[in-house]
Amino acid sequence: MELGKVFENNKKWIAKKLETDAGYFEKLSEGQSPEILYIGCSDSRVTAEDLMGAQPGEVFVHRNIANMVISIDLNVMSVVNYAVNHLKVNHVVVCGHYFCGGVKAAMQSEDLGILNPWLRNIRDVYRLHKKELNAIEDETERYNRLVELNVQEQCINLIKTAAVQKAYKERGLKVHGWVFDIHSGKLIDLKIDFDRLLKDIMEIYNLEK
């Protein structure tokens, strides 16, 4: 996209919104009450609102390389705490996508400079599931399975946080793991059994007595 077209497109977007609802921007400025926190990948092909058909105000969004939830990343932790504790979202989604460049980069034996510590977290996911992944002969299938397993591990990282544990007990907040299939446009619910996972990890990670 040419940078000069951005403001032209913005004017057209404003006109289109006002054409259907003259008070659209007045309502928008009144605040937000999203039901969903969406943690996705920064990939330019994967836009949260588009793939969900969501409107402004419906989804609180955080995106980073390979949809990671890392406990020492103040950015994602601030987003999680704000969305869960203050916006009171009832669903937290981690959404990966097949053919993710970040996941692919993590699978390469290559020094990627500043990306190394970030991608190491994905390599740790590979290490945890090495037996399953190494048994997959097709490289593309193995790569896409790592995408799914990475989503699962990031969801587990969410479950380890005090904010999510508290909201789970107080109002039944749910964590979801999804994958976006770029080839078909479909959103896939991985149907991860979080109740079982929560039970398995709470002996170590329980922060809510």
C-alpha atoms as a PDB file:
ATOM      1  CA  MET A   1       0.000   0.000   0.000  1.00  0.00           C
ATOM      2  CA  GLU A   2       1.245   3.481  -0.886  1.00  0.00           C
ATOM      3  CA  LEU A   3       1.536   5.638   2.217  1.00  0.00           C
ATOM      4  CA  GLY A   4      -0.221   8.512   0.456  1.00  0.00           C
ATOM      5  CA  LYS A   5      -3.364   6.416   0.081  1.00  0.00           C
ATOM      6  CA  VAL A   6      -3.767   5.892   3.823  1.00  0.00           C
ATOM      7  CA  PHE A   7      -5.378   9.262   4.531  1.00  0.00           C
ATOM      8  CA  GLU A   8      -7.480   9.058   1.386  1.00  0.00           C
ATOM      9  CA  ASN A   9      -8.764   5.667   2.527  1.00  0.00           C
ATOM     10  CA  ASN A  10      -9.397   7.079   5.990  1.00  0.00           C
ATOM     11  CA  LYS A  11     -11.662   9.804   4.558  1.00  0.00           C
ATOM     12  CA  LYS A  12     -13.627   7.224   2.588  1.00  0.00           C
ATOM     13  CA  TRP A  13     -13.954   5.046   5.691  1.00  0.00           C
ATOM     14  CA  ILE A  14     -15.292   7.981   7.757  1.00  0.00           C
ATOM     15  CA  ALA A  15     -17.824   8.854   5.056  1.00  0.00           C
ATOM     16  CA  LYS A  16     -18.995   5.239   4.824  1.00  0.00           C
ATOM     17  CA  LYS A  17     -19.477   4.959   8.590  1.00  0.00           C
ATOM     18  CA  LEU A  18     -21.362   8.257   8.835  1.00  0.00           C
ATOM     19  CA  GLU A  19     -23.548   7.313   5.890  1.00  0.00           C
ATOM     20  CA  THR A  20     -24.969   4.350   7.794  1.00  0.00           C
ATOM     21  CA  ASP A  21     -24.825   5.869  11.298  1.00  0.00           C
ATOM     22  CA  ALA A  22     -24.487   9.627  11.822  1.00  0.00           C
ATOM     23  CA  GLY A  23     -23.608   9.112  15.498  1.00  0.00           C
ATOM     24  CA  TYR A  24     -21.060   6.346  14.919  1.00  0.00           C
ATOM     25  CA  PHE A  25     -17.993   8.199  16.197  1.00  0.00           C
ATOM     26  CA  GLU A  26     -19.844   9.765  19.124  1.00  0.00           C
ATOM     27  CA  LYS A  27     -20.767   6.259  20.310  1.00  0.00           C
ATOM     28  CA  LEU A  28     -17.225   5.027  19.662  1.00  0.00           C
ATOM     29  CA  SER A  29     -15.763   7.744  21.890  1.00  0.00           C
ATOM     30  CA  GLU A  30     -17.948   6.739  24.848  1.00  0.00           C
ATOM     31  CA  GLY A  31     -15.699   3.796  25.746  1.00  0.00           C
ATOM     32  CA  GLN A  32     -15.195   0.097  25.170  1.00  0.00           C
ATOM     33  CA  SER A  33     -16.515  -3.101  26.733  1.00  0.00           C
ATOM     34  CA  PRO A  34     -15.011  -5.967  24.730  1.00  0.00           C
ATOM     35  CA  GLU A  35     -15.845  -9.571  25.583  1.00  0.00           C
ATOM     36  CA  ILE A  36     -12.639 -10.941  24.075  1.00  0.00           C
ATOM     37  CA  LEU A  37      -8.910 -10.402  24.494  1.00  0.00           C
ATOM     38  CA  TYR A  38      -7.235 -11.613  21.304  1.00  0.00           C
ATOM     39  CA  ILE A  39      -3.492 -12.361  21.321  1.00  0.00           C
ATOM     40  CA  GLY A  40      -2.302 -12.957  17.774  1.00  0.00           C
ATOM     41  CA  CYS A  41       0.664 -12.736  15.452  1.00  0.00           C
ATOM     42  CA  SER A  42       1.991  -9.478  13.993  1.00  0.00           C
ATOM     43  CA  ASP A  43       1.970 -11.022  10.491  1.00  0.00           C
ATOM     44  CA  SER A  44       0.456  -8.494   8.056  1.00  0.00           C
ATOM     45  CA  ARG A  45      -1.763 -11.195   6.536  1.00  0.00           C
ATOM     46  CA  VAL A  46      -3.527 -11.981   9.817  1.00  0.00           C
ATOM     47  CA  THR A  47      -5.754  -9.138  11.028  1.00  0.00           C
ATOM     48  CA  ALA A  48      -7.845 -10.009  14.062  1.00  0.00           C
ATOM     49  CA  GLU A  49     -10.956  -7.971  13.323  1.00  0.00           C
ATOM     50  CA  ASP A  50     -11.191  -9.092   9.695  1.00  0.00           C
ATOM     51  CA  LEU A  51     -10.903 -12.819  10.300  1.00  0.00           C
ATOM     52  CA  MET A  52     -13.470 -12.687  13.133  1.00  0.00           C
ATOM     53  CA  GLY A  53     -15.797 -10.188  11.472  1.00  0.00           C
ATOM     54  CA  ALA A  54     -15.519  -8.056  14.622  1.00  0.00           C
ATOM     55  CA  GLN A  55     -16.491  -4.405  14.903  1.00  0.00           C
ATOM     56  CA  PRO A  56     -14.576  -1.667  16.783  1.00  0.00           C
ATOM     57  CA  GLY A  57     -15.103  -2.046  20.532  1.00  0.00           C
ATOM     58  CA  GLU A  58     -15.757  -5.796  20.428  1.00  0.00           C
ATOM     59  CA  VAL A  59     -12.224  -7.202  20.726  1.00  0.00           C
ATOM     60  CA  PHE A  60      -9.173  -6.008  22.675  1.00  0.00           C
ATOM     61  CA  VAL A  61      -6.127  -6.922  20.594  1.00  0.00           C
ATOM     62  CA  HIS A  62      -2.461  -7.616  21.265  1.00  0.00           C
ATOM     63  CA  ARG A  63      -0.130  -8.825  18.518  1.00  0.00           C
ATOM     64  CA  ASN A  64       3.512  -9.855  18.518  1.00  0.00           C
ATOM     65  CA  ILE A  65       5.812 -12.196  16.611  1.00  0.00           C
ATOM     66  CA  ALA A  66       4.337 -15.716  16.807  1.00  0.00           C
ATOM     67  CA  ASN A  67       1.568 -14.806  19.303  1.00  0.00           C
ATOM     68  CA  MET A  68       3.720 -15.318  22.385  1.00  0.00           C
ATOM     69  CA  VAL A  69       2.713 -14.928  26.045  1.00  0.00           C
ATOM     70  CA  ILE A  70       6.013 -14.531  27.880  1.00  0.00           C
ATOM     71  CA  SER A  71       5.924 -13.821  31.609  1.00  0.00           C
ATOM     72  CA  ILE A  72       8.748 -11.248  31.526  1.00  0.00           C
ATOM     73  CA  ASP A  73       7.319  -9.356  28.536  1.00  0.00           C
ATOM     74  CA  LEU A  74       5.800  -6.304  30.237  1.00  0.00           C
ATOM     75  CA  ASN A  75       3.863  -5.432  27.099  1.00  0.00           C
ATOM     76  CA  VAL A  76       1.801  -8.607  26.882  1.00  0.00           C
ATOM     77  CA  MET A  77       1.492  -8.914  30.668  1.00  0.00           C
ATOM     78  CA  SER A  78       0.175  -5.340  30.897  1.00  0.00           C
ATOM     79  CA  VAL A  79      -2.351  -6.078  28.147  1.00  0.00           C
ATOM     80  CA  VAL A  80      -3.512  -9.272  29.870  1.00  0.00           C
ATOM     81  CA  ASN A  81      -3.895  -7.591  33.250  1.00  0.00           C
ATOM     82  CA  TYR A  82      -5.706  -4.563  31.841  1.00  0.00           C
ATOM     83  CA  ALA A  83      -8.076  -6.644  29.719  1.00  0.00           C
ATOM     84  CA  VAL A  84      -8.852  -9.193  32.438  1.00  0.00           C
ATOM     85  CA  ASN A  85      -8.881  -6.990  35.558  1.00  0.00           C
ATOM     86  CA  HIS A  86     -10.236  -3.713  34.205  1.00  0.00           C
ATOM     87  CA  LEU A  87     -12.107  -4.403  30.967  1.00  0.00           C
ATOM     88  CA  LYS A  88     -13.420  -7.655  32.493  1.00  0.00           C
ATOM     89  CA  VAL A  89     -13.191  -9.700  29.294  1.00  0.00           C
ATOM     90  CA  ASN A  90     -14.692 -13.162  29.608  1.00  0.00           C
ATOM     91  CA  HIS A  91     -12.660 -14.857  26.889  1.00  0.00           C
ATOM     92  CA  VAL A  92      -8.941 -14.799  26.151  1.00  0.00           C
ATOM     93  CA  VAL A  93      -7.900 -16.164  22.755  1.00  0.00           C
ATOM     94  CA  VAL A  94      -4.418 -17.077  21.590  1.00  0.00           C
ATOM     95  CA  CYS A  95      -4.566 -17.359  17.802  1.00  0.00           C
ATOM     96  CA  GLY A  96      -1.647 -18.649  15.750  1.00  0.00           C
ATOM     97  CA  HIS A  97      -1.584 -19.229  12.019  1.00  0.00           C
ATOM     98  CA  TYR A  98      -0.176 -21.870   9.730  1.00  0.00           C
ATOM     99  CA  PHE A  99       3.009 -20.924   7.844  1.00  0.00           C
ATOM    100  CA  CYS A 100       4.005 -18.515  10.620  1.00  0.00           C
ATOM    101  CA  GLY A 101       7.369 -16.906   9.824  1.00  0.00           C
ATOM    102  CA  GLY A 102       8.302 -16.628  13.497  1.00  0.00           C
ATOM    103  CA  VAL A 103       7.722 -20.318  14.154  1.00  0.00           C
ATOM    104  CA  LYS A 104       9.594 -21.234  10.974  1.00  0.00           C
ATOM    105  CA  ALA A 105      12.541 -19.032  11.963  1.00  0.00           C
ATOM    106  CA  ALA A 106      12.671 -20.723  15.371  1.00  0.00           C
ATOM    107  CA  MET A 107      13.098 -24.085  13.640  1.00  0.00           C
ATOM    108  CA  GLN A 108      16.213 -22.952  11.787  1.00  0.00           C
ATOM    109  CA  SER A 109      19.724 -23.438  13.189  1.00  0.00           C
ATOM    110  CA  GLU A 110      20.723 -19.837  12.594  1.00  0.00           C
ATOM    111  CA  ASP A 111      21.865 -16.845  14.615  1.00  0.00           C
ATOM    112  CA  LEU A 112      19.096 -14.251  14.210  1.00  0.00           C
ATOM    113  CA  GLY A 113      20.554 -11.589  16.492  1.00  0.00           C
ATOM    114  CA  ILE A 114      18.029  -9.739  18.652  1.00  0.00           C
ATOM    115  CA  LEU A 115      15.367 -12.279  17.699  1.00  0.00           C
ATOM    116  CA  ASN A 116      17.279 -15.109  19.401  1.00  0.00           C
ATOM    117  CA  PRO A 117      15.882 -14.662  22.953  1.00  0.00           C
ATOM    118  CA  TRP A 118      12.336 -14.241  21.620  1.00  0.00           C
ATOM    119  CA  LEU A 119      12.474 -17.282  19.346  1.00  0.00           C
ATOM    120  CA  ARG A 120      14.115 -19.350  22.083  1.00  0.00           C
ATOM    121  CA  ASN A 121      10.677 -19.565  23.690  1.00  0.00           C
ATOM    122  CA  ILE A 122       9.368 -21.322  20.576  1.00  0.00           C
ATOM    123  CA  ARG A 123      12.397 -23.605  20.546  1.00  0.00           C
ATOM    124  CA  ASP A 124      11.492 -24.516  24.124  1.00  0.00           C
ATOM    125  CA  VAL A 125       8.051 -25.557  22.857  1.00  0.00           C
ATOM    126  CA  TYR A 126       9.780 -27.783  20.292  1.00  0.00           C
ATOM    127  CA  ARG A 127      11.932 -29.286  23.044  1.00  0.00           C
ATOM    128  CA  LEU A 128       8.866 -30.079  25.159  1.00  0.00           C
ATOM    129  CA  HIS A 129       7.183 -31.861  22.248  1.00  0.00           C
ATOM    130  CA  LYS A 130      10.270 -33.122  20.429  1.00  0.00           C
ATOM    131  CA  LYS A 131       9.206 -36.762  20.361  1.00  0.00           C
ATOM    132  CA  GLU A 132       5.874 -36.016  18.676  1.00  0.00           C
ATOM    133  CA  LEU A 133       7.329 -33.457  16.255  1.00  0.00           C
ATOM    134  CA  ASN A 134      10.322 -35.549  15.203  1.00  0.00           C
ATOM    135  CA  ALA A 135       7.970 -38.414  14.343  1.00  0.00           C
ATOM    136  CA  ILE A 136       6.312 -36.242  11.660  1.00  0.00           C
ATOM    137  CA  GLU A 137       8.244 -36.845   8.438  1.00  0.00           C
ATOM    138  CA  ASP A 138       6.708 -34.114   6.284  1.00  0.00           C
ATOM    139  CA  GLU A 139       8.431 -30.823   7.100  1.00  0.00           C
ATOM    140  CA  THR A 140       5.372 -28.658   6.404  1.00  0.00           C
ATOM    141  CA  GLU A 141       3.143 -30.837   8.590  1.00  0.00           C
ATOM    142  CA  ARG A 142       5.744 -30.763  11.379  1.00  0.00           C
ATOM    143  CA  TYR A 143       6.029 -26.991  11.087  1.00  0.00           C
ATOM    144  CA  ASN A 144       2.243 -26.501  11.249  1.00  0.00           C
ATOM    145  CA  ARG A 145       1.949 -28.896  14.179  1.00  0.00           C
ATOM    146  CA  LEU A 146       4.497 -26.756  16.022  1.00  0.00           C
ATOM    147  CA  VAL A 147       2.245 -23.760  15.299  1.00  0.00           C
ATOM    148  CA  GLU A 148      -0.586 -25.604  17.093  1.00  0.00           C
ATOM    149  CA  LEU A 149       1.589 -26.717  20.000  1.00  0.00           C
ATOM    150  CA  ASN A 150       2.940 -23.190  20.379  1.00  0.00           C
ATOM    151  CA  VAL A 151      -0.620 -21.886  20.688  1.00  0.00           C
ATOM    152  CA  GLN A 152      -1.302 -24.492  23.371  1.00  0.00           C
ATOM    153  CA  GLU A 153       1.820 -23.571  25.345  1.00  0.00           C
ATOM    154  CA  GLN A 154       1.009 -19.849  25.200  1.00  0.00           C
ATOM    155  CA  CYS A 155      -2.470 -20.627  26.519  1.00  0.00           C
ATOM    156  CA  ILE A 156      -0.851 -22.545  29.376  1.00  0.00           C
ATOM    157  CA  ASN A 157       1.329 -19.493  30.026  1.00  0.00           C
ATOM    158  CA  LEU A 158      -1.874 -17.466  30.361  1.00  0.00           C
ATOM    159  CA  ILE A 159      -3.295 -19.961  32.838  1.00  0.00           C
ATOM    160  CA  LYS A 160      -0.171 -19.543  34.973  1.00  0.00           C
ATOM    161  CA  THR A 161      -0.934 -15.833  35.579  1.00  0.00           C
ATOM    162  CA  ALA A 162      -2.678 -14.566  38.705  1.00  0.00           C
ATOM    163  CA  ALA A 163      -5.084 -12.377  36.703  1.00  0.00           C
ATOM    164  CA  VAL A 164      -6.406 -15.285  34.641  1.00  0.00           C
ATOM    165  CA  GLN A 165      -6.593 -17.646  37.635  1.00  0.00           C
ATOM    166  CA  LYS A 166      -8.578 -15.095  39.630  1.00  0.00           C
ATOM    167  CA  ALA A 167     -11.001 -14.346  36.798  1.00  0.00           C
ATOM    168  CA  TYR A 168     -11.420 -18.079  36.140  1.00  0.00           C
ATOM    169  CA  LYS A 169     -12.552 -18.581  39.743  1.00  0.00           C
ATOM    170  CA  GLU A 170     -14.623 -15.406  40.063  1.00  0.00           C
ATOM    171  CA  ARG A 171     -16.491 -15.305  36.746  1.00  0.00           C
ATOM    172  CA  GLY A 172     -15.570 -18.360  34.726  1.00  0.00           C
ATOM    173  CA  LEU A 173     -13.203 -16.665  32.291  1.00  0.00           C
ATOM    174  CA  LYS A 174     -12.299 -19.033  29.443  1.00  0.00           C
ATOM    175  CA  VAL A 175      -9.018 -19.392  27.556  1.00  0.00           C
ATOM    176  CA  HIS A 176      -9.150 -20.536  23.922  1.00  0.00           C
ATOM    177  CA  GLY A 177      -6.516 -21.751  21.470  1.00  0.00           C
ATOM    178  CA  TRP A 178      -7.193 -21.101  17.776  1.00  0.00           C
ATOM    179  CA  VAL A 179      -5.284 -21.356  14.516  1.00  0.00           C
ATOM    180  CA  PHE A 180      -5.984 -19.376  11.346  1.00  0.00           C
ATOM    181  CA  ASP A 181      -5.511 -21.396   8.161  1.00  0.00           C
ATOM    182  CA  ILE A 182      -4.169 -18.913   5.619  1.00  0.00           C
ATOM    183  CA  HIS A 183      -4.814 -21.320   2.715  1.00  0.00           C
ATOM    184  CA  SER A 184      -8.560 -21.577   3.379  1.00  0.00           C
ATOM    185  CA  GLY A 185      -9.321 -18.527   5.532  1.00  0.00           C
ATOM    186  CA  LYS A 186     -10.813 -20.779   8.215  1.00  0.00           C
ATOM    187  CA  LEU A 187     -10.479 -20.259  11.947  1.00  0.00           C
ATOM    188  CA  ILE A 188      -9.825 -23.558  13.702  1.00  0.00           C
ATOM    189  CA  ASP A 189     -10.608 -24.112  17.373  1.00  0.00           C
ATOM    190  CA  LEU A 190      -7.967 -26.503  18.700  1.00  0.00           C
ATOM    191  CA  LYS A 191     -10.437 -27.580  21.421  1.00  0.00           C
ATOM    192  CA  ILE A 192      -7.726 -27.757  24.062  1.00  0.00           C
ATOM    193  CA  ASP A 193      -8.887 -29.298  27.338  1.00  0.00           C
ATOM    194  CA  PHE A 194      -7.967 -26.398  29.605  1.00  0.00           C
ATOM    195  CA  ASP A 195      -9.754 -27.782  32.648  1.00  0.00           C
ATOM    196  CA  ARG A 196      -7.439 -30.809  32.515  1.00  0.00           C
ATOM    197  CA  LEU A 197      -4.380 -28.668  31.848  1.00  0.00           C
ATOM    198  CA  LEU A 198      -5.302 -26.361  34.707  1.00  0.00           C
ATOM    199  CA  LYS A 199      -5.639 -29.303  37.056  1.00  0.00           C
ATOM    200  CA  ASP A 200      -2.246 -30.646  35.965  1.00  0.00           C
ATOM    201  CA  ILE A 201      -0.325 -27.413  36.503  1.00  0.00           C
ATOM    202  CA  MET A 202      -2.049 -25.850  39.500  1.00  0.00           C
ATOM    203  CA  GLU A 203       0.005 -27.808  42.030  1.00  0.00           C
ATOM    204  CA  ILE A 204       2.981 -25.720  40.901  1.00  0.00           C
ATOM    205  CA  TYR A 205       1.450 -22.537  39.484  1.00  0.00           C
ATOM    206  CA  ASN A 206      -1.518 -21.876  41.763  1.00  0.00           C
ATOM    207  CA  LEU A 207      -1.400 -18.208  42.786  1.00  0.00           C
ATOM    208  CA  GLU A 208      -5.000 -17.954  44.038  1.00  0.00           C
ATOM    209  CA  LYS A 209      -5.675 -19.614  47.411  1.00  0.00           C
END
